[in-house]
């Protein structure tokens, strides 16, 4: 029998969100039913709301969540009812070329499901007004319940609060992962363009890697202060200073060793590229619109031997890396609680996205009592 529940639904692009009753079916083979306890409010969902991402609507939003396993389908033995878990929106198959070569974040099955608004099986377990509807990124965490692939669930320590654990599902894994897999070496200089939820976690990752200088560019005073709290050595207000000139001045005209763009803006990606030294690396982490194109000085690729690379989902393998992030949290090297600046109920989700658009700083989380 299906379960009734409340969910946050995007009925059409750029239309008001609806919190309405839907039905969710029990889990099928290799699927898990999770009772949500917390879900982060991510800019990727905002892009979906605005129609920047070509996702099918109506759509249950949310992809950054944590909760408790309530039911498992056939062929599931890795998790059990009662387990505390965080959800990953990359349920990689484990057998394709990308998975076998150590790049599960590029798994076609997982990414196709995210784009199609389904589970990896090609199905959706949610119905609204008697019709099947899509779920965001194979998860749909802005709902009381979520049916996900078993490949999307990762157990977490009993001591980790759900609101903090939820952030491991996207922002932390994306930001910290991008830094940990970059060429940062102890003593290096780093620039982070954008200090939202992902950018702050790049700062954390750069600090863990031993960067000596962490320069952060963000127009928000609140974001710049948070960046300092998380380890930035200098912050730059692009509304007051030319950020490229400021970075060059702080690095004695050399440029930084590694630059990160964490917003999804092509002009800021060009800034990150221009801010790195000869032989340096710029990493694109923020997600732009699918048709955005960046203009760069091609001569610099050759004459300065610069590298531009992307990092999708922190270039992470969630089943391996979420436990590692939990270990960093347990030893105090990774801070999660200070990331959360606002908490809302499911009914207040629309206001949470309004606050996200205002760039109020830090992460917002929807919580269930």
Foldseek 3Di string as FASTA:
>chain_A
DWDKWWFWWLADAQDDIDTDIKTFDAAEAQKFKWFWFKFWDDVVQVCVNNVLAQADPREGETQQTKGFTQDDYPPDDPDDGGFTWTFALQLFPCPDPCNVVLQSLPHPLSVVCQRHQAASVSHGRMGDPNHGGGYHSQWSNLMRMTMHGNSGIAGADPPDDGHLLSCCRFQLLLQLLLQQPFPQAAAFAEEEEDQASNSLNVLLNNVVRHHPAYEYEDQDPQSQVSSVVNPHPYYDHVVVDVVLVVLCVVVVNFATQEYEYAAQDQVVQQSRQSRHGQLHEYEYRHNHRPPDDHDHDPVCCPPRVYYYYYARRSSDSCNPVSVVVSVCVVVPSDDRVVLEDEEAASVCVSVLVVVVVVCPHGIYMHGDD
